[in-house]
Amino acid sequence: MDAAKLAEALTAQSLFADCEQAELSDIIARGQSRAFKPGQELMAQGEEGNTLFIVLKGLARVSMVAANGREIILDYAEPGHVLGEIAFLDGGDRTASVEAIEPVEALVLTRAAFADIIEKHKGLSLRLLKAMARRLRQNNAVIEADRAYTSGPRLARFLLRLMMGGGTNAGNQLKIALSQSELGNFAGMSREQINRQLSAWVDNGIVALNSGRVTILDRQALVDVAEAW
């Protein structure tokens, strides 16, 4: 992968979204490509975070175990996602675990290599700070919105986050087939809330359920629900 392809793959919220091509070229040159099989961990919550991962191919699940022992699914990482940056930057322990769902290829960067890149590219540090500030602002907005939304709009918003994209047939499919329990862990809702809301949407032709798996039938209706208060 060259710098142009990496820049295209990076998400808008990525730590490296604002990097110049010369900086991305050095990240590629100093990184190592690693492959992970489905079910294999890229990183584990609580371990030392001395490496950073850029997902190039595949899909991985990001989760953490709360103090009460409950697993919370934080996100599903696709190509372009940067993983492990919190512990990588502050020197602390991993705040979450990441497990490959599909075969994953990732570019792995060590802290020592990254320090050399920062030293070479003087403007990179400021761009990274801006990226972190932008992400913090977005996370705060998501937290406030989730507090404001009732269970229906909240679940709709999480389903839309899991969809492949908009405007095509593929856009009406989820990135991954989730059970209702897994969806509850991701949306932070109880199984009873999930069941009740999905049953209502089945009756209205918005979603379909097959062996506990959710399929989106009416994306626009889901958007309308997500924007309702």
Protein backbone atom coordinates (compact mmCIF):
# COMPACT_ATOMS: atom_id res chain seq x y z
CA MET A 1 0.00 0.00 0.00
CA ASP A 2 1.27 3.45 -0.92
CA ALA A 3 0.60 6.77 0.81
CA ALA A 4 -2.21 7.78 -1.56
CA LYS A 5 -4.13 4.54 -0.97
CA LEU A 6 -3.61 4.77 2.78
CA ALA A 7 -4.86 8.36 2.83
CA GLU A 8 -7.97 7.26 0.92
CA ALA A 9 -8.60 4.40 3.34
CA LEU A 10 -8.24 6.42 6.55
CA THR A 11 -11.51 7.47 8.15
CA ALA A 12 -12.28 11.14 8.81
CA GLN A 13 -11.95 10.48 12.56
CA SER A 14 -8.59 8.75 12.19
CA LEU A 15 -5.58 9.96 14.13
CA PHE A 16 -3.73 10.23 10.81
CA ALA A 17 -6.55 11.74 8.73
CA ASP A 18 -4.71 15.07 8.34
CA CYS A 19 -1.27 13.62 7.62
CA GLU A 20 0.64 14.67 4.52
CA GLN A 21 1.68 12.04 1.99
CA ALA A 22 5.35 12.23 3.02
CA GLU A 23 4.35 11.47 6.61
CA LEU A 24 2.14 8.57 5.57
CA SER A 25 4.95 7.23 3.38
CA ASP A 26 7.25 7.15 6.42
CA ILE A 27 4.55 5.48 8.53
CA ILE A 28 4.21 2.77 5.86
CA ALA A 29 7.98 2.40 5.56
CA ARG A 30 8.51 2.11 9.33
CA GLY A 31 5.47 -0.10 9.99
CA GLN A 32 5.21 -3.88 9.69
CA SER A 33 2.32 -5.71 8.06
CA ARG A 34 0.72 -8.43 10.21
CA ALA A 35 -2.11 -10.85 9.54
CA PHE A 36 -4.67 -12.00 12.11
CA LYS A 37 -7.07 -14.94 11.81
CA PRO A 38 -10.74 -14.71 12.86
CA GLY A 39 -10.92 -14.97 16.64
CA GLN A 40 -7.31 -13.84 17.12
CA GLU A 41 -6.66 -10.82 19.33
CA LEU A 42 -4.84 -7.80 17.97
CA MET A 43 -4.60 -6.38 21.49
CA ALA A 44 -5.97 -7.10 24.97
CA GLN A 45 -7.43 -4.75 27.55
CA GLY A 46 -4.94 -4.06 30.34
CA GLU A 47 -1.78 -4.97 28.45
CA GLU A 48 1.04 -2.55 27.73
CA GLY A 49 0.29 -0.43 24.68
CA ASN A 50 3.60 -0.02 22.90
CA THR A 51 2.26 -0.58 19.37
CA LEU A 52 -0.37 1.05 17.17
CA PHE A 53 -2.45 -0.68 14.48
CA ILE A 54 -3.86 0.64 11.21
CA VAL A 55 -6.44 -1.77 9.79
CA LEU A 56 -5.79 -2.37 6.07
CA LYS A 57 -8.19 -5.27 5.40
CA GLY A 58 -10.92 -7.16 7.26
CA LEU A 59 -13.15 -6.41 10.23
CA ALA A 60 -12.40 -6.44 13.97
CA ARG A 61 -14.49 -5.99 17.11
CA VAL A 62 -13.43 -3.43 19.73
CA SER A 63 -14.71 -4.15 23.24
CA MET A 64 -13.99 -3.64 26.92
CA VAL A 65 -14.99 -5.34 30.15
CA ALA A 66 -16.53 -2.92 32.65
CA ALA A 67 -15.92 -3.00 36.39
CA ASN A 68 -19.14 -5.02 36.88
CA GLY A 69 -17.85 -7.71 34.49
CA ARG A 70 -20.15 -6.78 31.61
CA GLU A 71 -18.68 -6.70 28.12
CA ILE A 72 -19.30 -3.48 26.23
CA ILE A 73 -18.82 -3.44 22.46
CA LEU A 74 -17.34 -0.07 21.55
CA ASP A 75 -17.01 -0.30 17.78
CA TYR A 76 -16.36 -2.47 14.73
CA ALA A 77 -13.09 -1.53 13.04
CA GLU A 78 -12.95 -1.57 9.24
CA PRO A 79 -10.08 -0.74 6.87
CA GLY A 80 -8.77 2.72 7.70
CA HIS A 81 -9.40 2.52 11.43
CA VAL A 82 -6.49 3.28 13.76
CA LEU A 83 -6.45 1.12 16.91
CA GLY A 84 -4.57 1.34 20.19
CA GLU A 85 -3.64 5.00 19.94
CA ILE A 86 -4.64 5.93 23.52
CA ALA A 87 -2.15 3.64 25.28
CA PHE A 88 0.31 4.17 22.45
CA LEU A 89 0.40 7.91 23.07
CA ASP A 90 0.09 8.14 26.85
CA GLY A 91 2.16 5.07 27.79
CA GLY A 92 -0.64 3.51 29.84
CA ASP A 93 -2.40 0.16 29.54
CA ARG A 94 -4.81 -0.79 26.79
CA THR A 95 -8.32 0.50 27.50
CA ALA A 96 -9.99 -2.06 25.21
CA SER A 97 -9.51 -5.39 23.47
CA VAL A 98 -9.64 -5.91 19.71
CA GLU A 99 -10.48 -9.26 18.12
CA ALA A 100 -10.48 -10.11 14.42
CA ILE A 101 -13.91 -11.14 13.13
CA GLU A 102 -12.73 -11.66 9.56
CA PRO A 103 -9.13 -12.19 8.43
CA VAL A 104 -7.44 -8.89 9.25
CA GLU A 105 -4.33 -7.31 7.80
CA ALA A 106 -2.93 -4.42 9.83
CA LEU A 107 0.05 -2.11 9.67
CA VAL A 108 1.79 -2.20 13.08
CA LEU A 109 3.88 0.76 14.23
CA THR A 110 6.14 0.72 17.31
CA ARG A 111 6.49 3.68 19.64
CA ALA A 112 10.19 3.98 18.82
CA ALA A 113 9.48 4.15 15.09
CA PHE A 114 6.74 6.69 15.66
CA ALA A 115 9.07 8.87 17.75
CA ASP A 116 11.50 8.96 14.83
CA ILE A 117 8.71 10.00 12.46
CA ILE A 118 7.59 12.78 14.82
CA GLU A 119 11.17 14.01 15.04
CA LYS A 120 11.51 14.07 11.25
CA HIS A 121 8.18 15.75 10.49
CA LYS A 122 7.91 18.80 12.75
CA GLY A 123 4.33 19.66 11.85
CA LEU A 124 2.94 16.20 12.56
CA SER A 125 2.57 16.69 16.32
CA LEU A 126 0.22 19.65 15.90
CA ARG A 127 -1.90 17.78 13.34
CA LEU A 128 -2.20 14.83 15.73
CA LEU A 129 -3.29 17.15 18.56
CA LYS A 130 -5.96 18.65 16.32
CA ALA A 131 -7.14 15.17 15.35
CA MET A 132 -7.40 14.12 19.00
CA ALA A 133 -9.28 17.33 19.88
CA ARG A 134 -11.69 16.75 16.99
CA ARG A 135 -12.32 13.20 18.12
CA LEU A 136 -12.93 14.33 21.72
CA ARG A 137 -15.45 16.88 20.48
CA GLN A 138 -17.24 14.23 18.41
CA ASN A 139 -17.26 11.73 21.27
CA ASN A 140 -18.76 14.33 23.60
CA ALA A 141 -21.50 15.02 21.05
CA VAL A 142 -22.26 11.29 20.75
CA ILE A 143 -22.45 10.88 24.54
CA GLU A 144 -24.84 13.80 24.92
CA ALA A 145 -26.99 12.59 22.05
CA ASP A 146 -27.23 9.08 23.47
CA ARG A 147 -28.37 10.50 26.80
CA ALA A 148 -31.07 12.52 25.07
CA TYR A 149 -32.47 9.82 22.80
CA THR A 150 -35.08 7.34 23.95
CA SER A 151 -34.57 3.65 23.23
CA GLY A 152 -36.10 3.67 19.72
CA PRO A 153 -34.06 6.52 18.21
CA ARG A 154 -30.99 5.35 20.11
CA LEU A 155 -31.17 1.82 18.67
CA ALA A 156 -31.84 3.24 15.20
CA ARG A 157 -28.72 5.39 15.44
CA PHE A 158 -26.57 2.40 16.39
CA LEU A 159 -28.00 0.28 13.56
CA LEU A 160 -27.18 3.06 11.10
CA ARG A 161 -23.61 3.13 12.42
CA LEU A 162 -23.37 -0.58 11.60
CA MET A 163 -24.64 -0.26 8.04
CA MET A 164 -22.29 -0.62 5.09
CA GLY A 165 -23.04 2.80 3.59
CA GLY A 166 -25.77 4.68 1.82
CA GLY A 167 -27.33 4.83 -1.59
CA THR A 168 -26.73 1.24 -2.76
CA ASN A 169 -28.19 -2.16 -2.12
CA ALA A 170 -25.13 -2.95 -0.03
CA GLY A 171 -26.01 0.12 2.03
CA ASN A 172 -29.00 -1.73 3.47
CA GLN A 173 -26.84 -4.48 4.95
CA LEU A 174 -25.08 -4.49 8.29
CA LYS A 175 -21.29 -4.71 8.38
CA ILE A 176 -21.69 -7.80 10.55
CA ALA A 177 -24.58 -10.08 11.46
CA LEU A 178 -25.27 -9.36 15.13
CA SER A 179 -27.44 -11.29 17.53
CA GLN A 180 -29.84 -9.29 19.68
CA SER A 181 -27.57 -9.82 22.70
CA GLU A 182 -24.54 -8.49 20.79
CA LEU A 183 -26.57 -5.54 19.54
CA GLY A 184 -27.61 -4.78 23.12
CA ASN A 185 -23.98 -4.80 24.21
CA PHE A 186 -23.13 -2.36 21.41
CA ALA A 187 -26.06 0.00 21.97
CA GLY A 188 -25.96 -0.19 25.77
CA MET A 189 -29.53 -1.47 26.02
CA SER A 190 -31.09 -4.47 27.73
CA ARG A 191 -32.17 -7.53 25.75
CA GLU A 192 -35.77 -6.77 26.70
CA GLN A 193 -35.52 -3.26 25.23
CA ILE A 194 -33.95 -4.63 22.06
CA ASN A 195 -36.62 -7.31 21.67
CA ARG A 196 -39.48 -4.87 22.24
CA GLN A 197 -38.17 -2.29 19.79
CA LEU A 198 -37.21 -4.75 17.06
CA SER A 199 -40.59 -6.48 17.29
CA ALA A 200 -42.32 -3.14 16.69
CA TRP A 201 -40.08 -2.46 13.69
CA VAL A 202 -40.77 -5.93 12.28
CA ASP A 203 -44.50 -5.18 12.44
CA ASN A 204 -43.89 -1.94 10.51
CA GLY A 205 -41.64 -3.52 7.88
CA ILE A 206 -38.52 -1.60 8.92
CA VAL A 207 -36.41 -4.64 9.83
CA ALA A 208 -36.62 -8.42 9.54
CA LEU A 209 -35.45 -11.00 12.06
CA ASN A 210 -34.10 -14.38 11.03
CA SER A 211 -32.82 -16.68 13.78
CA GLY A 212 -32.16 -13.62 15.96
CA ARG A 213 -30.22 -11.79 13.22
CA VAL A 214 -31.28 -8.33 12.10
CA THR A 215 -31.75 -7.29 8.45
CA ILE A 216 -32.62 -3.72 7.50
CA LEU A 217 -35.59 -3.49 5.12
CA ASP A 218 -36.35 0.25 5.13
CA ARG A 219 -33.25 2.38 5.64
CA GLN A 220 -35.06 5.70 5.26
CA ALA A 221 -37.58 4.77 7.94
CA LEU A 222 -34.69 3.95 10.24
CA VAL A 223 -33.15 7.37 9.51
CA ASP A 224 -36.48 9.02 10.34
CA VAL A 225 -36.64 7.17 13.66
CA ALA A 226 -33.01 8.04 14.47
CA GLU A 227 -33.73 11.74 13.97
CA ALA A 228 -36.89 11.68 16.10
CA TRP A 229 -36.88 12.92 19.72
